[in-house]
PDB file of N, CA and C in Angstrom:
ATOM      1  N   MET A   1       0.854  -1.187   0.000  1.00  0.00           N
ATOM      2  CA  MET A   1       0.000   0.000   0.000  1.00  0.00           C
ATOM      3  C   MET A   1       0.893   1.242   0.000  1.00  0.00           C
ATOM      4  N   ASP A   2       0.450   2.255  -0.677  1.00  0.00           N
ATOM      5  CA  ASP A   2       1.190   3.507  -0.795  1.00  0.00           C
ATOM      6  C   ASP A   2       1.237   4.219   0.552  1.00  0.00           C
ATOM      7  N   THR A   3       2.449   4.434   1.041  1.00  0.00           N
ATOM      8  CA  THR A   3       2.608   5.075   2.353  1.00  0.00           C
ATOM      9  C   THR A   3       2.460   6.596   2.283  1.00  0.00           C
ATOM     10  N   THR A   4       2.350   7.154   1.079  1.00  0.00           N
ATOM     11  CA  THR A   4       2.172   8.605   0.973  1.00  0.00           C
ATOM     12  C   THR A   4       0.723   9.008   1.195  1.00  0.00           C
ATOM     13  N   ILE A   5      -0.187   8.028   1.223  1.00  0.00           N
ATOM     14  CA  ILE A   5      -1.597   8.324   1.471  1.00  0.00           C
ATOM     15  C   ILE A   5      -1.801   8.311   2.983  1.00  0.00           C
ATOM     16  N   LYS A   6      -2.179   9.457   3.534  1.00  0.00           N
ATOM     17  CA  LYS A   6      -2.259   9.600   4.985  1.00  0.00           C
ATOM     18  C   LYS A   6      -3.525   9.000   5.593  1.00  0.00           C
ATOM     19  N   ASP A   7      -4.684   9.333   5.040  1.00  0.00           N
ATOM     20  CA  ASP A   7      -5.932   8.838   5.607  1.00  0.00           C
ATOM     21  C   ASP A   7      -7.032   8.891   4.552  1.00  0.00           C
ATOM     22  N   PHE A   8      -8.172   8.340   4.908  1.00  0.00           N
ATOM     23  CA  PHE A   8      -9.300   8.236   3.980  1.00  0.00           C
ATOM     24  C   PHE A   8      -9.724   9.604   3.450  1.00  0.00           C
ATOM     25  N   GLU A   9      -9.887  10.564   4.337  1.00  0.00           N
ATOM     26  CA  GLU A   9     -10.380  11.883   3.937  1.00  0.00           C
ATOM     27  C   GLU A   9      -9.417  12.571   2.976  1.00  0.00           C
ATOM     28  N   THR A  10      -8.121  12.453   3.247  1.00  0.00           N
ATOM     29  CA  THR A  10      -7.115  13.039   2.364  1.00  0.00           C
ATOM     30  C   THR A  10      -7.132  12.361   1.005  1.00  0.00           C
ATOM     31  N   ALA A  11      -7.273  11.042   1.018  1.00  0.00           N
ATOM     32  CA  ALA A  11      -7.305  10.281  -0.234  1.00  0.00           C
ATOM     33  C   ALA A  11      -8.515  10.675  -1.075  1.00  0.00           C
ATOM     34  N   ILE A  12      -9.670  10.807  -0.442  1.00  0.00           N
ATOM     35  CA  ILE A  12     -10.889  11.193  -1.172  1.00  0.00           C
ATOM     36  C   ILE A  12     -10.714  12.589  -1.777  1.00  0.00           C
ATOM     37  N   ALA A  13     -10.161  13.510  -1.011  1.00  0.00           N
ATOM     38  CA  ALA A  13      -9.971  14.877  -1.512  1.00  0.00           C
ATOM     39  C   ALA A  13      -9.025  14.885  -2.714  1.00  0.00           C
ATOM     40  N   GLU A  14      -7.938  14.124  -2.632  1.00  0.00           N
ATOM     41  CA  GLU A  14      -6.996  14.070  -3.751  1.00  0.00           C
ATOM     42  C   GLU A  14      -7.645  13.402  -4.968  1.00  0.00           C
ATOM     43  N   LEU A  15      -8.408  12.356  -4.719  1.00  0.00           N
ATOM     44  CA  LEU A  15      -9.090  11.658  -5.813  1.00  0.00           C
ATOM     45  C   LEU A  15     -10.074  12.589  -6.518  1.00  0.00           C
ATOM     46  N   GLU A  16     -10.814  13.378  -5.762  1.00  0.00           N
ATOM     47  CA  GLU A  16     -11.748  14.347  -6.358  1.00  0.00           C
ATOM     48  C   GLU A  16     -10.997  15.372  -7.210  1.00  0.00           C
ATOM     49  N   SER A  17      -9.847  15.812  -6.725  1.00  0.00           N
ATOM     50  CA  SER A  17      -9.038  16.770  -7.464  1.00  0.00           C
ATOM     51  C   SER A  17      -8.547  16.162  -8.785  1.00  0.00           C
ATOM     52  N   ILE A  18      -8.125  14.914  -8.737  1.00  0.00           N
ATOM     53  CA  ILE A  18      -7.654  14.226  -9.942  1.00  0.00           C
ATOM     54  C   ILE A  18      -8.780  14.086 -10.952  1.00  0.00           C
ATOM     55  N   VAL A  19      -9.948  13.707 -10.479  1.00  0.00           N
ATOM     56  CA  VAL A  19     -11.095  13.549 -11.380  1.00  0.00           C
ATOM     57  C   VAL A  19     -11.404  14.869 -12.078  1.00  0.00           C
ATOM     58  N   LYS A  20     -11.394  15.966 -11.344  1.00  0.00           N
ATOM     59  CA  LYS A  20     -11.667  17.278 -11.945  1.00  0.00           C
ATOM     60  C   LYS A  20     -10.643  17.603 -13.028  1.00  0.00           C
ATOM     61  N   LYS A  21      -9.361  17.355 -12.721  1.00  0.00           N
ATOM     62  CA  LYS A  21      -8.305  17.642 -13.709  1.00  0.00           C
ATOM     63  C   LYS A  21      -8.486  16.794 -14.963  1.00  0.00           C
ATOM     64  N   LEU A  22      -8.794  15.510 -14.779  1.00  0.00           N
ATOM     65  CA  LEU A  22      -8.964  14.623 -15.926  1.00  0.00           C
ATOM     66  C   LEU A  22     -10.203  14.990 -16.736  1.00  0.00           C
ATOM     67  N   GLU A  23     -11.258  15.438 -16.068  1.00  0.00           N
ATOM     68  CA  GLU A  23     -12.483  15.836 -16.773  1.00  0.00           C
ATOM     69  C   GLU A  23     -12.272  17.070 -17.631  1.00  0.00           C
ATOM     70  N   GLU A  24     -11.353  17.933 -17.221  1.00  0.00           N
ATOM     71  CA  GLU A  24     -11.076  19.134 -18.006  1.00  0.00           C
ATOM     72  C   GLU A  24     -10.473  18.769 -19.355  1.00  0.00           C
ATOM     73  N   GLY A  25      -9.669  17.714 -19.394  1.00  0.00           N
ATOM     74  CA  GLY A  25      -9.131  17.205 -20.648  1.00  0.00           C
ATOM     75  C   GLY A  25      -8.051  18.036 -21.299  1.00  0.00           C
ATOM     76  N   ASP A  26      -7.467  18.961 -20.586  1.00  0.00           N
ATOM     77  CA  ASP A  26      -6.450  19.837 -21.180  1.00  0.00           C
ATOM     78  C   ASP A  26      -5.025  19.378 -20.881  1.00  0.00           C
ATOM     79  N   LEU A  27      -4.852  18.148 -20.450  1.00  0.00           N
ATOM     80  CA  LEU A  27      -3.541  17.657 -20.036  1.00  0.00           C
ATOM     81  C   LEU A  27      -2.900  16.802 -21.118  1.00  0.00           C
ATOM     82  N   PRO A  28      -1.571  16.805 -21.157  1.00  0.00           N
ATOM     83  CA  PRO A  28      -0.883  15.887 -22.075  1.00  0.00           C
ATOM     84  C   PRO A  28      -1.200  14.438 -21.689  1.00  0.00           C
ATOM     85  N   LEU A  29      -1.114  13.536 -22.640  1.00  0.00           N
ATOM     86  CA  LEU A  29      -1.450  12.142 -22.428  1.00  0.00           C
ATOM     87  C   LEU A  29      -0.670  11.541 -21.265  1.00  0.00           C
ATOM     88  N   GLU A  30       0.628  11.762 -21.209  1.00  0.00           N
ATOM     89  CA  GLU A  30       1.450  11.161 -20.146  1.00  0.00           C
ATOM     90  C   GLU A  30       1.025  11.659 -18.767  1.00  0.00           C
ATOM     91  N   THR A  31       0.715  12.925 -18.649  1.00  0.00           N
ATOM     92  CA  THR A  31       0.241  13.483 -17.385  1.00  0.00           C
ATOM     93  C   THR A  31      -1.097  12.860 -17.003  1.00  0.00           C
ATOM     94  N   SER A  32      -1.973  12.718 -17.983  1.00  0.00           N
ATOM     95  CA  SER A  32      -3.275  12.091 -17.730  1.00  0.00           C
ATOM     96  C   SER A  32      -3.098  10.662 -17.237  1.00  0.00           C
ATOM     97  N   LEU A  33      -2.188   9.926 -17.849  1.00  0.00           N
ATOM     98  CA  LEU A  33      -1.933   8.542 -17.430  1.00  0.00           C
ATOM     99  C   LEU A  33      -1.393   8.484 -16.003  1.00  0.00           C
ATOM    100  N   GLN A  34      -0.491   9.394 -15.682  1.00  0.00           N
ATOM    101  CA  GLN A  34       0.053   9.436 -14.320  1.00  0.00           C
ATOM    102  C   GLN A  34      -1.038   9.744 -13.303  1.00  0.00           C
ATOM    103  N   LEU A  35      -1.889  10.699 -13.624  1.00  0.00           N
ATOM    104  CA  LEU A  35      -2.996  11.040 -12.728  1.00  0.00           C
ATOM    105  C   LEU A  35      -3.960   9.870 -12.590  1.00  0.00           C
ATOM    106  N   TYR A  36      -4.223   9.186 -13.695  1.00  0.00           N
ATOM    107  CA  TYR A  36      -5.118   8.036 -13.658  1.00  0.00           C
ATOM    108  C   TYR A  36      -4.543   6.949 -12.752  1.00  0.00           C
ATOM    109  N   GLU A  37      -3.248   6.678 -12.882  1.00  0.00           N
ATOM    110  CA  GLU A  37      -2.594   5.670 -12.034  1.00  0.00           C
ATOM    111  C   GLU A  37      -2.690   6.049 -10.563  1.00  0.00           C
ATOM    112  N   ARG A  38      -2.466   7.313 -10.260  1.00  0.00           N
ATOM    113  CA  ARG A  38      -2.585   7.778  -8.878  1.00  0.00           C
ATOM    114  C   ARG A  38      -4.026   7.628  -8.397  1.00  0.00           C
ATOM    115  N   GLY A  39      -4.970   7.935  -9.259  1.00  0.00           N
ATOM    116  CA  GLY A  39      -6.374   7.784  -8.913  1.00  0.00           C
ATOM    117  C   GLY A  39      -6.724   6.339  -8.579  1.00  0.00           C
ATOM    118  N   VAL A  40      -6.174   5.404  -9.329  1.00  0.00           N
ATOM    119  CA  VAL A  40      -6.407   3.987  -9.047  1.00  0.00           C
ATOM    120  C   VAL A  40      -5.841   3.627  -7.674  1.00  0.00           C
ATOM    121  N   GLN A  41      -4.635   4.101  -7.361  1.00  0.00           N
ATOM    122  CA  GLN A  41      -4.035   3.851  -6.035  1.00  0.00           C
ATOM    123  C   GLN A  41      -4.938   4.389  -4.930  1.00  0.00           C
ATOM    124  N   LEU A  42      -5.393   5.611  -5.105  1.00  0.00           N
ATOM    125  CA  LEU A  42      -6.251   6.241  -4.101  1.00  0.00           C
ATOM    126  C   LEU A  42      -7.575   5.499  -3.955  1.00  0.00           C
ATOM    127  N   SER A  43      -8.147   5.099  -5.072  1.00  0.00           N
ATOM    128  CA  SER A  43      -9.407   4.365  -5.049  1.00  0.00           C
ATOM    129  C   SER A  43      -9.255   3.042  -4.303  1.00  0.00           C
ATOM    130  N   ARG A  44      -8.176   2.331  -4.568  1.00  0.00           N
ATOM    131  CA  ARG A  44      -7.934   1.060  -3.875  1.00  0.00           C
ATOM    132  C   ARG A  44      -7.735   1.271  -2.379  1.00  0.00           C
ATOM    133  N   PHE A  45      -7.018   2.331  -2.024  1.00  0.00           N
ATOM    134  CA  PHE A  45      -6.800   2.655  -0.615  1.00  0.00           C
ATOM    135  C   PHE A  45      -8.146   2.908   0.068  1.00  0.00           C
ATOM    136  N   CYS A  46      -8.986   3.732  -0.566  1.00  0.00           N
ATOM    137  CA  CYS A  46     -10.284   4.061   0.027  1.00  0.00           C
ATOM    138  C   CYS A  46     -11.167   2.825   0.142  1.00  0.00           C
ATOM    139  N   HIS A  47     -11.161   1.996  -0.873  1.00  0.00           N
ATOM    140  CA  HIS A  47     -11.959   0.774  -0.837  1.00  0.00           C
ATOM    141  C   HIS A  47     -11.516  -0.127   0.317  1.00  0.00           C
ATOM    142  N   ALA A  48     -10.207  -0.254   0.501  1.00  0.00           N
ATOM    143  CA  ALA A  48      -9.681  -1.080   1.604  1.00  0.00           C
ATOM    144  C   ALA A  48     -10.102  -0.514   2.956  1.00  0.00           C
ATOM    145  N   ARG A  49     -10.042   0.818   3.118  1.00  0.00           N
ATOM    146  CA  ARG A  49     -10.453   1.427   4.379  1.00  0.00           C
ATOM    147  C   ARG A  49     -11.938   1.187   4.637  1.00  0.00           C
ATOM    148  N   LEU A  50     -12.764   1.283   3.606  1.00  0.00           N
ATOM    149  CA  LEU A  50     -14.198   1.047   3.772  1.00  0.00           C
ATOM    150  C   LEU A  50     -14.476  -0.403   4.147  1.00  0.00           C
ATOM    151  N   GLU A  51     -13.746  -1.339   3.545  1.00  0.00           N
ATOM    152  CA  GLU A  51     -13.923  -2.746   3.906  1.00  0.00           C
ATOM    153  C   GLU A  51     -13.528  -2.991   5.363  1.00  0.00           C
ATOM    154  N   GLU A  52     -12.446  -2.340   5.805  1.00  0.00           N
ATOM    155  CA  GLU A  52     -12.027  -2.465   7.202  1.00  0.00           C
ATOM    156  C   GLU A  52     -13.105  -1.928   8.139  1.00  0.00           C
ATOM    157  N   ALA A  53     -13.682  -0.797   7.778  1.00  0.00           N
ATOM    158  CA  ALA A  53     -14.732  -0.205   8.614  1.00  0.00           C
ATOM    159  C   ALA A  53     -15.945  -1.129   8.672  1.00  0.00           C
ATOM    160  N   GLU A  54     -16.320  -1.696   7.547  1.00  0.00           N
ATOM    161  CA  GLU A  54     -17.450  -2.620   7.512  1.00  0.00           C
ATOM    162  C   GLU A  54     -17.174  -3.834   8.407  1.00  0.00           C
ATOM    163  N   HIS A  55     -15.965  -4.354   8.335  1.00  0.00           N
ATOM    164  CA  HIS A  55     -15.591  -5.499   9.164  1.00  0.00           C
ATOM    165  C   HIS A  55     -15.665  -5.149  10.654  1.00  0.00           C
ATOM    166  N   ARG A  56     -15.181  -3.972  11.009  1.00  0.00           N
ATOM    167  CA  ARG A  56     -15.235  -3.537  12.406  1.00  0.00           C
ATOM    168  C   ARG A  56     -16.679  -3.422  12.886  1.00  0.00           C
ATOM    169  N   ILE A  57     -17.556  -2.911  12.047  1.00  0.00           N
ATOM    170  CA  ILE A  57     -18.974  -2.791  12.411  1.00  0.00           C
ATOM    171  C   ILE A  57     -19.567  -4.174  12.635  1.00  0.00           C
ATOM    172  N   GLU A  58     -19.243  -5.112  11.755  1.00  0.00           N
ATOM    173  CA  GLU A  58     -19.768  -6.472  11.901  1.00  0.00           C
ATOM    174  C   GLU A  58     -19.278  -7.114  13.202  1.00  0.00           C
ATOM    175  N   ILE A  59     -18.015  -6.889  13.542  1.00  0.00           N
ATOM    176  CA  ILE A  59     -17.480  -7.437  14.795  1.00  0.00           C
ATOM    177  C   ILE A  59     -18.213  -6.836  15.991  1.00  0.00           C
ATOM    178  N   LEU A  60     -18.419  -5.529  15.965  1.00  0.00           N
ATOM    179  CA  LEU A  60     -19.130  -4.882  17.068  1.00  0.00           C
ATOM    180  C   LEU A  60     -20.556  -5.403  17.189  1.00  0.00           C
ATOM    181  N   ASN A  61     -21.196  -5.668  16.070  1.00  0.00           N
ATOM    182  CA  ASN A  61     -22.568  -6.164  16.080  1.00  0.00           C
ATOM    183  C   ASN A  61     -22.657  -7.616  16.542  1.00  0.00           C
ATOM    184  N   GLU A  62     -21.546  -8.347  16.503  1.00  0.00           N
ATOM    185  CA  GLU A  62     -21.552  -9.743  16.947  1.00  0.00           C
ATOM    186  C   GLU A  62     -21.872  -9.863  18.437  1.00  0.00           C
ATOM    187  N   ARG A  63     -21.672  -8.811  19.163  1.00  0.00           N
ATOM    188  CA  ARG A  63     -21.971  -8.846  20.601  1.00  0.00           C
ATOM    189  C   ARG A  63     -23.457  -9.010  20.847  1.00  0.00           C
ATOM    190  N   GLY A  64     -24.229  -8.609  19.882  1.00  0.00           N
ATOM    191  CA  GLY A  64     -25.679  -8.808  19.945  1.00  0.00           C
ATOM    192  C   GLY A  64     -26.034  -9.802  18.864  1.00  0.00           C
ATOM    193  N   GLU A  65     -26.555  -9.272  17.805  1.00  0.00           N
ATOM    194  CA  GLU A  65     -26.927 -10.088  16.653  1.00  0.00           C
ATOM    195  C   GLU A  65     -26.093  -9.620  15.464  1.00  0.00           C
ATOM    196  N   LEU A  66     -25.513 -10.549  14.739  1.00  0.00           N
ATOM    197  CA  LEU A  66     -24.694 -10.189  13.582  1.00  0.00           C
ATOM    198  C   LEU A  66     -25.577  -9.568  12.519  1.00  0.00           C
ATOM    199  N   LYS A  67     -25.245  -8.336  12.154  1.00  0.00           N
ATOM    200  CA  LYS A  67     -25.984  -7.629  11.121  1.00  0.00           C
ATOM    201  C   LYS A  67     -24.977  -7.128  10.108  1.00  0.00           C
ATOM    202  N   ALA A  68     -25.383  -7.131   8.882  1.00  0.00           N
ATOM    203  CA  ALA A  68     -24.518  -6.588   7.837  1.00  0.00           C
ATOM    204  C   ALA A  68     -24.355  -5.086   8.054  1.00  0.00           C
ATOM    205  N   ALA A  69     -23.253  -4.558   7.558  1.00  0.00           N
ATOM    206  CA  ALA A  69     -23.033  -3.124   7.654  1.00  0.00           C
ATOM    207  C   ALA A  69     -24.116  -2.403   6.850  1.00  0.00           C
ATOM    208  N   PRO A  70     -24.463  -1.178   7.238  1.00  0.00           N
ATOM    209  CA  PRO A  70     -25.483  -0.431   6.504  1.00  0.00           C
ATOM    210  C   PRO A  70     -25.136  -0.327   5.020  1.00  0.00           C
ATOM    211  N   ALA A  71     -26.131  -0.434   4.176  1.00  0.00           N
ATOM    212  CA  ALA A  71     -25.923  -0.424   2.727  1.00  0.00           C
ATOM    213  C   ALA A  71     -25.227   0.847   2.251  1.00  0.00           C
ATOM    214  N   GLY A  72     -25.476   1.969   2.891  1.00  0.00           N
ATOM    215  CA  GLY A  72     -24.911   3.235   2.449  1.00  0.00           C
ATOM    216  C   GLY A  72     -23.567   3.573   3.057  1.00  0.00           C
ATOM    217  N   LEU A  73     -22.940   2.622   3.743  1.00  0.00           N
ATOM    218  CA  LEU A  73     -21.670   2.903   4.407  1.00  0.00           C
ATOM    219  C   LEU A  73     -20.649   3.407   3.405  1.00  0.00           C
ATOM    220  N   GLY A  74     -20.138   4.602   3.644  1.00  0.00           N
ATOM    221  CA  GLY A  74     -19.086   5.161   2.817  1.00  0.00           C
ATOM    222  C   GLY A  74     -19.562   5.895   1.591  1.00  0.00           C
ATOM    223  N   GLU A  75     -20.863   5.866   1.327  1.00  0.00           N
ATOM    224  CA  GLU A  75     -21.361   6.585   0.157  1.00  0.00           C
ATOM    225  C   GLU A  75     -21.423   8.065   0.469  1.00  0.00           C
ATOM    226  N   ASP A  76     -21.133   8.828  -0.534  1.00  0.00           N
ATOM    227  CA  ASP A  76     -21.179  10.278  -0.413  1.00  0.00           C
ATOM    228  C   ASP A  76     -22.633  10.723  -0.478  1.00  0.00           C
ATOM    229  N   ASP A  77     -23.094  11.452   0.537  1.00  0.00           N
ATOM    230  CA  ASP A  77     -24.481  11.889   0.601  1.00  0.00           C
ATOM    231  C   ASP A  77     -24.799  13.020  -0.361  1.00  0.00           C
ATOM    232  N   THR A  78     -23.766  13.686  -0.864  1.00  0.00           N
ATOM    233  CA  THR A  78     -23.996  14.791  -1.772  1.00  0.00           C
ATOM    234  C   THR A  78     -23.850  14.298  -3.199  1.00  0.00           C
ATOM    235  N   SER A  79     -24.957  14.106  -3.862  1.00  0.00           N
ATOM    236  CA  SER A  79     -24.935  13.634  -5.246  1.00  0.00           C
ATOM    237  C   SER A  79     -24.468  14.755  -6.143  1.00  0.00           C
ATOM    238  N   ARG A  80     -23.797  14.349  -7.188  1.00  0.00           N
ATOM    239  CA  ARG A  80     -23.302  15.349  -8.146  1.00  0.00           C
ATOM    240  C   ARG A  80     -24.071  15.258  -9.405  1.00  0.00           C
TER     241      ARG A  80
END
């Protein structure tokens, strides 16, 4: 895992910035590819953190009744 990624919130913010830059389409191909690769790293990091959070919720729920994590866990409430 990339050690330059500090936490989930930082990764999401950087990923959003990359998406905006790529959507503008004014970048050279090599720069776009580099940004895309970084975006994939960030996306994988965020996905792993969300899976860890879901697992922790399931463990906590085992004390009572095992329940799946909420369906909306990690989803952004602000639709674009």
